[in-house]
Amino acid sequence: MTKIKICGIKTLNDALAAIDAGTDYLGFNFYSKGVRFIEKEVCAEITSVLKREHPKIKLVGVFVNSSVDEVKNILDTCSLDLAQLHGDETPEIFAQLVPHAFKAFRGVPTDITGYEHKDGPAFLVDAAVKGMYGGSGVTADWSAAAELAKKYPLLLAGGLTPENVADAVRQSQPLGRGRCLRS
């Protein structure tokens, strides 16, 4: 069964609209240079309501090259379920956060050694855009992602729109698909 992750949540109204639309995962962006960046105090206010009123929704922090301590602090402060590591994190950093983390790759990886795990999504595949850590609106390589999806539960991101998401899911057969809210 396909799962949906909507990323870029900045307000409780955004979160509730995403839940009403059928999302399974909500993403909160902690990359300070991102347009959808959220302060952890604001996120904690939103997630306290969501944990109480929508406990089945998985809450995900999106991080780019953050320290392990910072990720753990935000996961705890905001009551998040998972950390999406969307930067240049090494397998050693990843290992310190498992089972509460999954790696996002910009482009389909050729070597996933050190990033495998069995709980939840194993990976997220996004489009590769030089100098950007996601949220570019560029379409990912769905057919290449399909090969990885045969072996691992993955989330698909990268240029997904209401017009193309069905084709992306058909081609790649991921565990889920992600979408960022545009500000």
C-alpha atoms as a PDB file:
ATOM      1  CA  MET A   1       0.000   0.000   0.000  1.00  0.00           C
ATOM      2  CA  THR A   2       1.342   3.408  -0.953  1.00  0.00           C
ATOM      3  CA  LYS A   3       1.938   5.916   1.827  1.00  0.00           C
ATOM      4  CA  ILE A   4       1.930   9.692   1.392  1.00  0.00           C
ATOM      5  CA  LYS A   5       4.343  12.156   3.027  1.00  0.00           C
ATOM      6  CA  ILE A   6       3.729  15.869   2.751  1.00  0.00           C
ATOM      7  CA  CYS A   7       6.709  18.002   3.647  1.00  0.00           C
ATOM      8  CA  GLY A   8       7.107  21.680   4.413  1.00  0.00           C
ATOM      9  CA  ILE A   9       4.525  21.938   7.183  1.00  0.00           C
ATOM     10  CA  LYS A  10       4.754  25.364   8.850  1.00  0.00           C
ATOM     11  CA  THR A  11       1.358  25.814  10.513  1.00  0.00           C
ATOM     12  CA  LEU A  12      -1.257  23.707  12.256  1.00  0.00           C
ATOM     13  CA  ASN A  13      -3.664  24.550   9.419  1.00  0.00           C
ATOM     14  CA  ASP A  14      -1.131  23.166   6.886  1.00  0.00           C
ATOM     15  CA  ALA A  15      -0.883  19.975   8.929  1.00  0.00           C
ATOM     16  CA  LEU A  16      -4.641  19.552   9.268  1.00  0.00           C
ATOM     17  CA  ALA A  17      -5.174  20.177   5.545  1.00  0.00           C
ATOM     18  CA  ALA A  18      -2.536  17.551   4.734  1.00  0.00           C
ATOM     19  CA  ILE A  19      -4.220  15.075   7.088  1.00  0.00           C
ATOM     20  CA  ASP A  20      -7.608  15.789   5.507  1.00  0.00           C
ATOM     21  CA  ALA A  21      -6.001  15.106   2.107  1.00  0.00           C
ATOM     22  CA  GLY A  22      -4.944  11.647   3.303  1.00  0.00           C
ATOM     23  CA  THR A  23      -1.296  11.969   4.270  1.00  0.00           C
ATOM     24  CA  ASP A  24       0.414   9.319   6.389  1.00  0.00           C
ATOM     25  CA  TYR A  25       3.605  11.289   7.175  1.00  0.00           C
ATOM     26  CA  LEU A  26       4.042  15.017   7.874  1.00  0.00           C
ATOM     27  CA  GLY A  27       7.449  16.595   7.316  1.00  0.00           C
ATOM     28  CA  PHE A  28       8.871  19.589   9.177  1.00  0.00           C
ATOM     29  CA  ASN A  29      11.942  21.215   7.608  1.00  0.00           C
ATOM     30  CA  PHE A  30      14.793  22.105   9.977  1.00  0.00           C
ATOM     31  CA  TYR A  31      17.199  23.225   7.243  1.00  0.00           C
ATOM     32  CA  SER A  32      17.702  26.896   8.114  1.00  0.00           C
ATOM     33  CA  LYS A  33      18.441  27.865   4.496  1.00  0.00           C
ATOM     34  CA  GLY A  34      15.233  26.252   3.204  1.00  0.00           C
ATOM     35  CA  VAL A  35      12.166  28.318   2.328  1.00  0.00           C
ATOM     36  CA  ARG A  36       9.985  26.017   4.418  1.00  0.00           C
ATOM     37  CA  PHE A  37      12.217  26.150   7.525  1.00  0.00           C
ATOM     38  CA  ILE A  38      10.362  25.916  10.850  1.00  0.00           C
ATOM     39  CA  GLU A  39      11.631  26.871  14.300  1.00  0.00           C
ATOM     40  CA  LYS A  40      11.595  23.944  16.726  1.00  0.00           C
ATOM     41  CA  GLU A  41       9.400  25.827  19.218  1.00  0.00           C
ATOM     42  CA  VAL A  42       6.731  26.398  16.553  1.00  0.00           C
ATOM     43  CA  CYS A  43       6.991  22.772  15.455  1.00  0.00           C
ATOM     44  CA  ALA A  44       6.619  21.572  19.060  1.00  0.00           C
ATOM     45  CA  GLU A  45       3.388  23.562  19.425  1.00  0.00           C
ATOM     46  CA  ILE A  46       1.985  21.987  16.241  1.00  0.00           C
ATOM     47  CA  THR A  47       3.103  18.456  17.031  1.00  0.00           C
ATOM     48  CA  SER A  48       1.691  18.567  20.565  1.00  0.00           C
ATOM     49  CA  VAL A  49      -1.771  19.017  19.016  1.00  0.00           C
ATOM     50  CA  LEU A  50      -1.137  16.393  16.324  1.00  0.00           C
ATOM     51  CA  LYS A  51       0.101  13.748  18.775  1.00  0.00           C
ATOM     52  CA  ARG A  52      -3.060  14.211  20.815  1.00  0.00           C
ATOM     53  CA  GLU A  53      -5.618  14.496  17.992  1.00  0.00           C
ATOM     54  CA  HIS A  54      -3.994  12.416  15.196  1.00  0.00           C
ATOM     55  CA  PRO A  55      -1.693   9.867  16.883  1.00  0.00           C
ATOM     56  CA  LYS A  56      -1.469   7.577  13.823  1.00  0.00           C
ATOM     57  CA  ILE A  57       0.199  10.231  11.639  1.00  0.00           C
ATOM     58  CA  LYS A  58       3.972   9.831  11.533  1.00  0.00           C
ATOM     59  CA  LEU A  59       5.853  13.082  12.173  1.00  0.00           C
ATOM     60  CA  VAL A  60       9.168  13.544  10.374  1.00  0.00           C
ATOM     61  CA  GLY A  61      11.934  16.092  10.858  1.00  0.00           C
ATOM     62  CA  VAL A  62      13.881  16.943   7.699  1.00  0.00           C
ATOM     63  CA  PHE A  63      17.558  17.665   8.401  1.00  0.00           C
ATOM     64  CA  VAL A  64      20.488  18.722   6.221  1.00  0.00           C
ATOM     65  CA  ASN A  65      23.956  18.115   7.656  1.00  0.00           C
ATOM     66  CA  SER A  66      22.829  18.632  11.258  1.00  0.00           C
ATOM     67  CA  SER A  67      24.770  17.176  14.159  1.00  0.00           C
ATOM     68  CA  VAL A  68      23.511  13.990  15.789  1.00  0.00           C
ATOM     69  CA  ASP A  69      22.907  15.900  19.028  1.00  0.00           C
ATOM     70  CA  GLU A  70      20.848  18.553  17.228  1.00  0.00           C
ATOM     71  CA  VAL A  71      18.744  15.921  15.460  1.00  0.00           C
ATOM     72  CA  LYS A  72      18.127  14.028  18.704  1.00  0.00           C
ATOM     73  CA  ASN A  73      17.248  17.250  20.531  1.00  0.00           C
ATOM     74  CA  ILE A  74      14.714  18.294  17.891  1.00  0.00           C
ATOM     75  CA  LEU A  75      13.224  14.784  17.661  1.00  0.00           C
ATOM     76  CA  ASP A  76      12.709  14.847  21.433  1.00  0.00           C
ATOM     77  CA  THR A  77      11.557  18.487  21.761  1.00  0.00           C
ATOM     78  CA  CYS A  78       9.059  18.172  18.909  1.00  0.00           C
ATOM     79  CA  SER A  79       7.941  14.581  19.631  1.00  0.00           C
ATOM     80  CA  LEU A  80       8.892  13.541  16.091  1.00  0.00           C
ATOM     81  CA  ASP A  81       8.846   9.902  15.029  1.00  0.00           C
ATOM     82  CA  LEU A  82      11.557   9.971  12.375  1.00  0.00           C
ATOM     83  CA  ALA A  83      14.472  11.992  11.031  1.00  0.00           C
ATOM     84  CA  GLN A  84      14.863  12.320   7.261  1.00  0.00           C
ATOM     85  CA  LEU A  85      18.561  12.922   6.627  1.00  0.00           C
ATOM     86  CA  HIS A  86      18.599  14.933   3.404  1.00  0.00           C
ATOM     87  CA  GLY A  87      22.177  16.187   3.386  1.00  0.00           C
ATOM     88  CA  ASP A  88      25.598  14.614   3.066  1.00  0.00           C
ATOM     89  CA  GLU A  89      25.350  12.494   6.218  1.00  0.00           C
ATOM     90  CA  THR A  90      27.779   9.598   6.481  1.00  0.00           C
ATOM     91  CA  PRO A  91      26.817   6.029   7.378  1.00  0.00           C
ATOM     92  CA  GLU A  92      28.447   6.643  10.777  1.00  0.00           C
ATOM     93  CA  ILE A  93      26.123   9.569  11.510  1.00  0.00           C
ATOM     94  CA  PHE A  94      23.153   7.606  10.203  1.00  0.00           C
ATOM     95  CA  ALA A  95      23.994   4.633  12.465  1.00  0.00           C
ATOM     96  CA  GLN A  96      23.737   6.863  15.540  1.00  0.00           C
ATOM     97  CA  LEU A  97      20.129   7.734  14.667  1.00  0.00           C
ATOM     98  CA  VAL A  98      18.724   4.357  13.554  1.00  0.00           C
ATOM     99  CA  PRO A  99      15.965   3.196  13.974  1.00  0.00           C
ATOM    100  CA  HIS A 100      14.570   6.736  14.057  1.00  0.00           C
ATOM    101  CA  ALA A 101      16.073   7.872  10.763  1.00  0.00           C
ATOM    102  CA  PHE A 102      16.091   7.227   7.053  1.00  0.00           C
ATOM    103  CA  LYS A 103      18.403   8.607   4.382  1.00  0.00           C
ATOM    104  CA  ALA A 104      17.245  10.806   1.527  1.00  0.00           C
ATOM    105  CA  PHE A 105      19.277  10.565  -1.654  1.00  0.00           C
ATOM    106  CA  ARG A 106      19.444  13.230  -4.329  1.00  0.00           C
ATOM    107  CA  GLY A 107      19.311  10.961  -7.327  1.00  0.00           C
ATOM    108  CA  VAL A 108      19.162   7.185  -7.201  1.00  0.00           C
ATOM    109  CA  PRO A 109      22.156   5.925  -5.224  1.00  0.00           C
ATOM    110  CA  THR A 110      24.527   3.349  -6.640  1.00  0.00           C
ATOM    111  CA  ASP A 111      25.873   2.413  -3.208  1.00  0.00           C
ATOM    112  CA  ILE A 112      23.645   2.291  -0.140  1.00  0.00           C
ATOM    113  CA  THR A 113      26.111   0.475   2.094  1.00  0.00           C
ATOM    114  CA  GLY A 114      25.688   1.617   5.677  1.00  0.00           C
ATOM    115  CA  TYR A 115      22.241   3.158   5.154  1.00  0.00           C
ATOM    116  CA  GLU A 116      20.129   0.007   5.178  1.00  0.00           C
ATOM    117  CA  HIS A 117      17.670  -0.744   7.955  1.00  0.00           C
ATOM    118  CA  LYS A 118      14.432  -2.648   8.386  1.00  0.00           C
ATOM    119  CA  ASP A 119      12.039  -0.236  10.107  1.00  0.00           C
ATOM    120  CA  GLY A 120       9.804   2.192   8.191  1.00  0.00           C
ATOM    121  CA  PRO A 121      10.987   3.676   4.938  1.00  0.00           C
ATOM    122  CA  ALA A 122      14.542   2.622   4.144  1.00  0.00           C
ATOM    123  CA  PHE A 123      15.225   5.591   1.847  1.00  0.00           C
ATOM    124  CA  LEU A 124      13.780   8.613   0.122  1.00  0.00           C
ATOM    125  CA  VAL A 125      14.742   9.240  -3.498  1.00  0.00           C
ATOM    126  CA  ASP A 126      14.594  12.864  -4.661  1.00  0.00           C
ATOM    127  CA  ALA A 127      15.742  14.634  -7.807  1.00  0.00           C
ATOM    128  CA  ALA A 128      19.415  15.523  -8.044  1.00  0.00           C
ATOM    129  CA  VAL A 129      19.817  19.272  -8.499  1.00  0.00           C
ATOM    130  CA  LYS A 130      23.284  20.744  -8.033  1.00  0.00           C
ATOM    131  CA  GLY A 131      23.520  22.960  -4.981  1.00  0.00           C
ATOM    132  CA  MET A 132      20.060  22.054  -3.655  1.00  0.00           C
ATOM    133  CA  TYR A 133      18.963  19.730  -0.880  1.00  0.00           C
ATOM    134  CA  GLY A 134      15.472  18.981  -2.184  1.00  0.00           C
ATOM    135  CA  GLY A 135      12.411  21.105  -2.784  1.00  0.00           C
ATOM    136  CA  SER A 136      13.532  22.013  -6.308  1.00  0.00           C
ATOM    137  CA  GLY A 137      10.379  20.904  -8.109  1.00  0.00           C
ATOM    138  CA  VAL A 138      12.528  18.888 -10.543  1.00  0.00           C
ATOM    139  CA  THR A 139      11.203  15.413 -11.367  1.00  0.00           C
ATOM    140  CA  ALA A 140      13.165  12.474  -9.967  1.00  0.00           C
ATOM    141  CA  ASP A 141      14.233   9.496 -12.083  1.00  0.00           C
ATOM    142  CA  TRP A 142      11.260   7.239 -11.390  1.00  0.00           C
ATOM    143  CA  SER A 143      12.384   4.281 -13.492  1.00  0.00           C
ATOM    144  CA  ALA A 144      15.751   4.135 -11.709  1.00  0.00           C
ATOM    145  CA  ALA A 145      13.956   4.442  -8.362  1.00  0.00           C
ATOM    146  CA  ALA A 146      11.823   1.444  -9.374  1.00  0.00           C
ATOM    147  CA  GLU A 147      14.918  -0.789  -9.315  1.00  0.00           C
ATOM    148  CA  LEU A 148      15.734   0.294  -5.764  1.00  0.00           C
ATOM    149  CA  ALA A 149      12.061  -0.096  -4.719  1.00  0.00           C
ATOM    150  CA  LYS A 150      12.220  -3.779  -5.692  1.00  0.00           C
ATOM    151  CA  LYS A 151      14.642  -4.321  -2.817  1.00  0.00           C
ATOM    152  CA  TYR A 152      13.770  -1.677  -0.229  1.00  0.00           C
ATOM    153  CA  PRO A 153      10.729   0.244   1.038  1.00  0.00           C
ATOM    154  CA  LEU A 154      11.338   3.767  -0.206  1.00  0.00           C
ATOM    155  CA  LEU A 155       9.639   7.108  -0.436  1.00  0.00           C
ATOM    156  CA  LEU A 156       9.660   8.938  -3.747  1.00  0.00           C
ATOM    157  CA  ALA A 157       9.990  12.711  -3.991  1.00  0.00           C
ATOM    158  CA  GLY A 158      11.066  15.169  -6.634  1.00  0.00           C
ATOM    159  CA  GLY A 159       8.729  17.175  -8.805  1.00  0.00           C
ATOM    160  CA  LEU A 160       5.572  15.332  -7.815  1.00  0.00           C
ATOM    161  CA  THR A 161       2.355  17.100  -8.784  1.00  0.00           C
ATOM    162  CA  PRO A 162      -1.316  16.098  -8.838  1.00  0.00           C
ATOM    163  CA  GLU A 163      -0.899  15.615 -12.590  1.00  0.00           C
ATOM    164  CA  ASN A 164       2.081  13.225 -12.490  1.00  0.00           C
ATOM    165  CA  VAL A 165       1.969  11.429  -9.140  1.00  0.00           C
ATOM    166  CA  ALA A 166      -0.084   8.469 -10.393  1.00  0.00           C
ATOM    167  CA  ASP A 167       2.450   7.853 -13.175  1.00  0.00           C
ATOM    168  CA  ALA A 168       5.335   8.146 -10.690  1.00  0.00           C
ATOM    169  CA  VAL A 169       3.769   5.556  -8.399  1.00  0.00           C
ATOM    170  CA  ARG A 170       2.978   3.228 -11.322  1.00  0.00           C
ATOM    171  CA  GLN A 171       6.548   3.411 -12.612  1.00  0.00           C
ATOM    172  CA  SER A 172       8.438   3.136  -9.353  1.00  0.00           C
ATOM    173  CA  GLN A 173       6.116   1.217  -6.968  1.00  0.00           C
ATOM    174  CA  PRO A 174       7.481   2.945  -3.846  1.00  0.00           C
ATOM    175  CA  LEU A 175       6.316   2.489  -0.267  1.00  0.00           C
ATOM    176  CA  GLY A 176       5.205   6.079  -0.504  1.00  0.00           C
ATOM    177  CA  ARG A 177       5.537   9.419  -2.146  1.00  0.00           C
ATOM    178  CA  GLY A 178       6.487  12.765  -0.712  1.00  0.00           C
ATOM    179  CA  ARG A 179       5.396  16.215  -1.627  1.00  0.00           C
ATOM    180  CA  CYS A 180       6.504  19.587  -0.348  1.00  0.00           C
ATOM    181  CA  LEU A 181       4.114  22.434   0.214  1.00  0.00           C
ATOM    182  CA  ARG A 182       4.998  25.513  -1.795  1.00  0.00           C
ATOM    183  CA  SER A 183       5.142  28.792   0.100  1.00  0.00           C
END
